[in-house]
Amino acid sequence: MKFIIITLALASLTLGCEISVKNVGENPFTFHIEYAGGNIHEADLVTGQHDNYECLCLPHDMKIIYQDIYCYHYMNCIDNGDYQVEVTNHAIYINVGNNNVETCLI
């Protein structure tokens, strides 16, 4: 019985996460996320668009791809982050709330 309860608790912990990514800039980009080389999800976002992604509550690799440049951010879906991404002519900014979590120069 303990095994079943522990298994159900772990399953609910790993399956109940979601993140949101919104393009708050003027340039379109591709949002790419993956876990351990699998569970790959991509979305092309133009100005004002957002994408919600249900993910395992585990660490993931996030990439913001603009032309031939990418900005990498290591994140954990358990935080249920609402990411705001802005791509300018000089940098890619990845923010969560009012905090900048990644800046990649172009």
N, C-alpha and C. Protein backbone atom coordinates (compact mmCIF):
# COMPACT_ATOMS: atom_id res chain seq x y z
N MET A 1 0.82 -1.19 0.00
CA MET A 1 0.00 0.00 0.00
C MET A 1 0.87 1.27 0.00
N LYS A 2 1.94 1.25 0.80
CA LYS A 2 2.85 2.40 0.83
C LYS A 2 3.44 2.65 -0.55
N PHE A 3 3.79 1.57 -1.25
CA PHE A 3 4.38 1.69 -2.58
C PHE A 3 3.43 2.41 -3.53
N ILE A 4 2.16 2.07 -3.50
CA ILE A 4 1.15 2.70 -4.37
C ILE A 4 1.01 4.18 -4.04
N ILE A 5 0.98 4.52 -2.77
CA ILE A 5 0.83 5.92 -2.36
C ILE A 5 2.05 6.73 -2.79
N ILE A 6 3.23 6.18 -2.58
CA ILE A 6 4.46 6.88 -2.98
C ILE A 6 4.51 7.04 -4.49
N THR A 7 4.15 6.00 -5.22
CA THR A 7 4.14 6.07 -6.69
C THR A 7 3.17 7.14 -7.18
N LEU A 8 1.98 7.19 -6.63
CA LEU A 8 1.00 8.20 -7.03
C LEU A 8 1.47 9.61 -6.68
N ALA A 9 2.09 9.77 -5.52
CA ALA A 9 2.61 11.09 -5.12
C ALA A 9 3.71 11.55 -6.07
N LEU A 10 4.62 10.65 -6.43
CA LEU A 10 5.70 11.01 -7.36
C LEU A 10 5.15 11.32 -8.75
N ALA A 11 4.16 10.57 -9.19
CA ALA A 11 3.56 10.81 -10.50
C ALA A 11 2.90 12.18 -10.54
N SER A 12 2.18 12.55 -9.50
CA SER A 12 1.52 13.86 -9.50
C SER A 12 2.54 14.98 -9.43
N LEU A 13 3.67 14.75 -8.76
CA LEU A 13 4.72 15.77 -8.69
C LEU A 13 5.36 15.99 -10.05
N THR A 14 5.61 14.93 -10.79
CA THR A 14 6.32 15.07 -12.06
C THR A 14 5.41 15.45 -13.22
N LEU A 15 4.10 15.30 -13.10
CA LEU A 15 3.22 15.57 -14.23
C LEU A 15 2.45 16.89 -14.14
N GLY A 16 2.52 17.61 -13.04
CA GLY A 16 1.64 18.74 -12.84
C GLY A 16 2.24 20.12 -13.06
N CYS A 17 3.13 20.29 -14.00
CA CYS A 17 3.77 21.58 -14.21
C CYS A 17 3.46 22.16 -15.58
N GLU A 18 3.52 23.48 -15.65
CA GLU A 18 3.28 24.17 -16.92
C GLU A 18 4.05 25.48 -16.89
N ILE A 19 4.63 25.83 -18.04
CA ILE A 19 5.27 27.13 -18.18
C ILE A 19 4.60 27.89 -19.31
N SER A 20 4.81 29.17 -19.31
CA SER A 20 4.28 30.05 -20.35
C SER A 20 5.43 30.89 -20.89
N VAL A 21 5.49 31.04 -22.20
CA VAL A 21 6.51 31.88 -22.84
C VAL A 21 5.78 32.88 -23.72
N LYS A 22 6.08 34.17 -23.54
CA LYS A 22 5.43 35.22 -24.32
C LYS A 22 6.48 36.08 -25.02
N ASN A 23 6.22 36.40 -26.28
CA ASN A 23 7.08 37.31 -27.04
C ASN A 23 6.66 38.74 -26.71
N VAL A 24 7.48 39.46 -25.94
CA VAL A 24 7.18 40.84 -25.57
C VAL A 24 7.98 41.84 -26.40
N GLY A 25 8.69 41.34 -27.40
CA GLY A 25 9.49 42.20 -28.27
C GLY A 25 8.88 42.33 -29.64
N GLU A 26 9.66 42.89 -30.56
CA GLU A 26 9.18 43.11 -31.93
C GLU A 26 9.63 42.05 -32.92
N ASN A 27 10.64 41.26 -32.57
CA ASN A 27 11.18 40.26 -33.49
C ASN A 27 10.63 38.87 -33.18
N PRO A 28 10.25 38.12 -34.21
CA PRO A 28 9.78 36.75 -33.99
C PRO A 28 10.95 35.83 -33.62
N PHE A 29 10.65 34.76 -32.90
CA PHE A 29 11.66 33.78 -32.52
C PHE A 29 11.01 32.42 -32.37
N THR A 30 11.85 31.39 -32.23
CA THR A 30 11.38 30.04 -31.96
C THR A 30 11.70 29.69 -30.52
N PHE A 31 10.70 29.23 -29.80
CA PHE A 31 10.86 28.74 -28.43
C PHE A 31 11.03 27.22 -28.52
N HIS A 32 12.12 26.71 -27.95
CA HIS A 32 12.44 25.28 -28.00
C HIS A 32 12.70 24.81 -26.57
N ILE A 33 12.09 23.71 -26.19
CA ILE A 33 12.32 23.14 -24.86
C ILE A 33 12.42 21.62 -25.00
N GLU A 34 13.32 21.04 -24.18
CA GLU A 34 13.47 19.58 -24.20
C GLU A 34 13.95 19.10 -22.84
N TYR A 35 13.70 17.82 -22.61
CA TYR A 35 14.16 17.17 -21.39
C TYR A 35 14.99 15.96 -21.77
N ALA A 36 16.27 15.96 -21.36
CA ALA A 36 17.18 14.83 -21.59
C ALA A 36 17.20 14.37 -23.04
N GLY A 37 17.19 15.32 -23.96
CA GLY A 37 17.26 15.00 -25.38
C GLY A 37 15.96 14.50 -25.97
N GLY A 38 14.89 14.45 -25.20
CA GLY A 38 13.58 14.00 -25.68
C GLY A 38 12.51 14.98 -25.25
N ASN A 39 11.26 14.59 -25.40
CA ASN A 39 10.13 15.46 -25.06
C ASN A 39 10.31 16.85 -25.64
N ILE A 40 10.64 16.92 -26.90
CA ILE A 40 10.95 18.19 -27.55
C ILE A 40 9.66 18.91 -27.94
N HIS A 41 9.61 20.21 -27.65
CA HIS A 41 8.48 21.05 -28.02
C HIS A 41 9.04 22.34 -28.61
N GLU A 42 8.45 22.79 -29.71
CA GLU A 42 8.85 24.05 -30.33
C GLU A 42 7.62 24.84 -30.73
N ALA A 43 7.78 26.17 -30.67
CA ALA A 43 6.71 27.06 -31.11
C ALA A 43 7.35 28.33 -31.67
N ASP A 44 6.84 28.79 -32.81
CA ASP A 44 7.27 30.05 -33.39
C ASP A 44 6.34 31.14 -32.86
N LEU A 45 6.93 32.16 -32.23
CA LEU A 45 6.15 33.22 -31.61
C LEU A 45 6.45 34.57 -32.22
N VAL A 46 5.41 35.26 -32.65
CA VAL A 46 5.54 36.63 -33.15
C VAL A 46 5.13 37.58 -32.03
N THR A 47 5.27 38.86 -32.25
CA THR A 47 4.97 39.87 -31.24
C THR A 47 3.61 39.63 -30.58
N GLY A 48 3.61 39.59 -29.25
CA GLY A 48 2.38 39.45 -28.48
C GLY A 48 1.90 38.02 -28.31
N GLN A 49 2.42 37.08 -29.07
CA GLN A 49 1.97 35.68 -28.96
C GLN A 49 2.59 35.02 -27.74
N HIS A 50 1.89 34.02 -27.20
CA HIS A 50 2.44 33.23 -26.11
C HIS A 50 2.15 31.76 -26.35
N ASP A 51 2.88 30.93 -25.63
CA ASP A 51 2.72 29.48 -25.74
C ASP A 51 2.76 28.90 -24.33
N ASN A 52 1.81 28.05 -24.02
CA ASN A 52 1.81 27.33 -22.75
C ASN A 52 2.29 25.91 -23.03
N TYR A 53 3.13 25.39 -22.16
CA TYR A 53 3.66 24.06 -22.35
C TYR A 53 3.58 23.28 -21.03
N GLU A 54 2.84 22.17 -21.05
CA GLU A 54 2.77 21.28 -19.90
C GLU A 54 4.00 20.39 -19.92
N CYS A 55 4.73 20.39 -18.82
CA CYS A 55 5.99 19.66 -18.79
C CYS A 55 6.14 18.88 -17.49
N LEU A 56 7.03 17.91 -17.52
CA LEU A 56 7.38 17.20 -16.30
C LEU A 56 8.00 18.19 -15.32
N CYS A 57 7.74 18.04 -14.06
CA CYS A 57 8.28 18.95 -13.04
C CYS A 57 9.74 18.63 -12.77
N LEU A 58 10.54 18.76 -13.80
CA LEU A 58 11.96 18.43 -13.77
C LEU A 58 12.74 19.49 -14.53
N PRO A 59 14.07 19.49 -14.40
CA PRO A 59 14.88 20.46 -15.16
C PRO A 59 14.77 20.23 -16.67
N HIS A 60 14.76 21.32 -17.41
CA HIS A 60 14.66 21.29 -18.86
C HIS A 60 15.67 22.25 -19.48
N ASP A 61 15.98 22.02 -20.74
CA ASP A 61 16.81 22.92 -21.52
C ASP A 61 15.89 23.78 -22.37
N MET A 62 15.96 25.09 -22.19
CA MET A 62 15.17 26.02 -22.99
C MET A 62 16.11 26.77 -23.92
N LYS A 63 15.71 26.91 -25.17
CA LYS A 63 16.46 27.71 -26.13
C LYS A 63 15.51 28.68 -26.80
N ILE A 64 15.95 29.91 -26.92
CA ILE A 64 15.26 30.90 -27.73
C ILE A 64 16.12 31.05 -28.98
N ILE A 65 15.53 30.74 -30.12
CA ILE A 65 16.28 30.74 -31.38
C ILE A 65 15.82 31.91 -32.24
N TYR A 66 16.78 32.76 -32.62
CA TYR A 66 16.51 33.92 -33.48
C TYR A 66 17.51 33.89 -34.62
N GLN A 67 17.01 33.73 -35.84
CA GLN A 67 17.85 33.57 -37.02
C GLN A 67 18.80 32.41 -36.78
N ASP A 68 20.12 32.61 -36.78
CA ASP A 68 21.05 31.51 -36.53
C ASP A 68 21.69 31.60 -35.14
N ILE A 69 21.05 32.35 -34.25
CA ILE A 69 21.56 32.56 -32.90
C ILE A 69 20.59 31.92 -31.90
N TYR A 70 21.13 31.31 -30.86
CA TYR A 70 20.24 30.81 -29.82
C TYR A 70 20.72 31.26 -28.45
N CYS A 71 19.76 31.43 -27.57
CA CYS A 71 20.01 31.81 -26.18
C CYS A 71 19.54 30.65 -25.32
N TYR A 72 20.45 30.09 -24.55
CA TYR A 72 20.18 28.89 -23.75
C TYR A 72 19.84 29.29 -22.30
N HIS A 73 18.81 28.64 -21.76
CA HIS A 73 18.46 28.84 -20.35
C HIS A 73 18.08 27.50 -19.74
N TYR A 74 18.78 27.13 -18.68
CA TYR A 74 18.49 25.90 -17.95
C TYR A 74 17.44 26.24 -16.90
N MET A 75 16.32 25.55 -16.92
CA MET A 75 15.22 25.90 -16.02
C MET A 75 14.54 24.64 -15.50
N ASN A 76 13.72 24.83 -14.46
CA ASN A 76 12.96 23.72 -13.90
C ASN A 76 11.47 24.02 -14.01
N CYS A 77 10.73 23.12 -14.59
CA CYS A 77 9.30 23.34 -14.78
C CYS A 77 8.53 23.39 -13.47
N ILE A 78 9.11 22.89 -12.39
CA ILE A 78 8.40 22.90 -11.11
C ILE A 78 8.11 24.34 -10.66
N ASP A 79 8.86 25.31 -11.18
CA ASP A 79 8.65 26.72 -10.84
C ASP A 79 7.41 27.31 -11.51
N ASN A 80 6.86 26.61 -12.53
CA ASN A 80 5.69 27.09 -13.27
C ASN A 80 5.88 28.54 -13.73
N GLY A 81 7.03 28.80 -14.33
CA GLY A 81 7.40 30.16 -14.72
C GLY A 81 6.58 30.75 -15.85
N ASP A 82 6.37 32.05 -15.77
CA ASP A 82 5.79 32.83 -16.87
C ASP A 82 6.94 33.65 -17.46
N TYR A 83 7.46 33.17 -18.58
CA TYR A 83 8.63 33.78 -19.20
C TYR A 83 8.20 34.85 -20.20
N GLN A 84 8.88 35.99 -20.15
CA GLN A 84 8.71 37.04 -21.13
C GLN A 84 10.04 37.15 -21.88
N VAL A 85 9.99 37.02 -23.19
CA VAL A 85 11.21 37.03 -24.00
C VAL A 85 11.16 38.21 -24.95
N GLU A 86 12.27 38.95 -24.99
CA GLU A 86 12.40 40.07 -25.92
C GLU A 86 13.68 39.88 -26.72
N VAL A 87 13.52 39.91 -28.04
CA VAL A 87 14.67 39.84 -28.93
C VAL A 87 14.84 41.22 -29.55
N THR A 88 16.01 41.83 -29.32
CA THR A 88 16.31 43.13 -29.90
C THR A 88 17.43 42.96 -30.93
N ASN A 89 17.89 44.05 -31.47
CA ASN A 89 19.00 43.99 -32.43
C ASN A 89 20.33 43.72 -31.73
N HIS A 90 20.35 43.82 -30.39
CA HIS A 90 21.60 43.68 -29.65
C HIS A 90 21.64 42.48 -28.71
N ALA A 91 20.47 42.00 -28.28
CA ALA A 91 20.48 40.92 -27.29
C ALA A 91 19.13 40.20 -27.25
N ILE A 92 19.16 39.04 -26.63
CA ILE A 92 17.95 38.28 -26.32
C ILE A 92 17.82 38.29 -24.80
N TYR A 93 16.67 38.74 -24.32
CA TYR A 93 16.43 38.84 -22.89
C TYR A 93 15.33 37.83 -22.50
N ILE A 94 15.64 37.00 -21.50
CA ILE A 94 14.65 36.08 -20.96
C ILE A 94 14.38 36.51 -19.52
N ASN A 95 13.13 36.86 -19.25
CA ASN A 95 12.72 37.36 -17.94
C ASN A 95 11.64 36.47 -17.35
N VAL A 96 11.62 36.39 -16.03
CA VAL A 96 10.54 35.76 -15.29
C VAL A 96 10.06 36.82 -14.30
N GLY A 97 8.81 37.26 -14.47
CA GLY A 97 8.33 38.36 -13.64
C GLY A 97 9.16 39.60 -13.93
N ASN A 98 9.66 40.23 -12.90
CA ASN A 98 10.51 41.41 -13.07
C ASN A 98 11.99 41.08 -13.02
N ASN A 99 12.33 39.81 -13.09
CA ASN A 99 13.73 39.39 -12.98
C ASN A 99 14.27 38.88 -14.31
N ASN A 100 15.44 39.40 -14.69
CA ASN A 100 16.12 38.90 -15.88
C ASN A 100 16.89 37.65 -15.47
N VAL A 101 16.59 36.52 -16.13
CA VAL A 101 17.27 35.26 -15.80
C VAL A 101 18.32 34.89 -16.83
N GLU A 102 18.28 35.53 -18.01
CA GLU A 102 19.27 35.24 -19.04
C GLU A 102 19.34 36.40 -20.02
N THR A 103 20.55 36.79 -20.38
CA THR A 103 20.79 37.78 -21.43
C THR A 103 21.85 37.21 -22.35
N CYS A 104 21.54 37.16 -23.64
CA CYS A 104 22.50 36.65 -24.63
C CYS A 104 22.73 37.74 -25.66
N LEU A 105 23.96 38.18 -25.79
CA LEU A 105 24.29 39.22 -26.76
C LEU A 105 24.25 38.66 -28.17
N ILE A 106 23.79 39.49 -29.08
CA ILE A 106 23.72 39.10 -30.50
C ILE A 106 24.93 39.67 -31.22
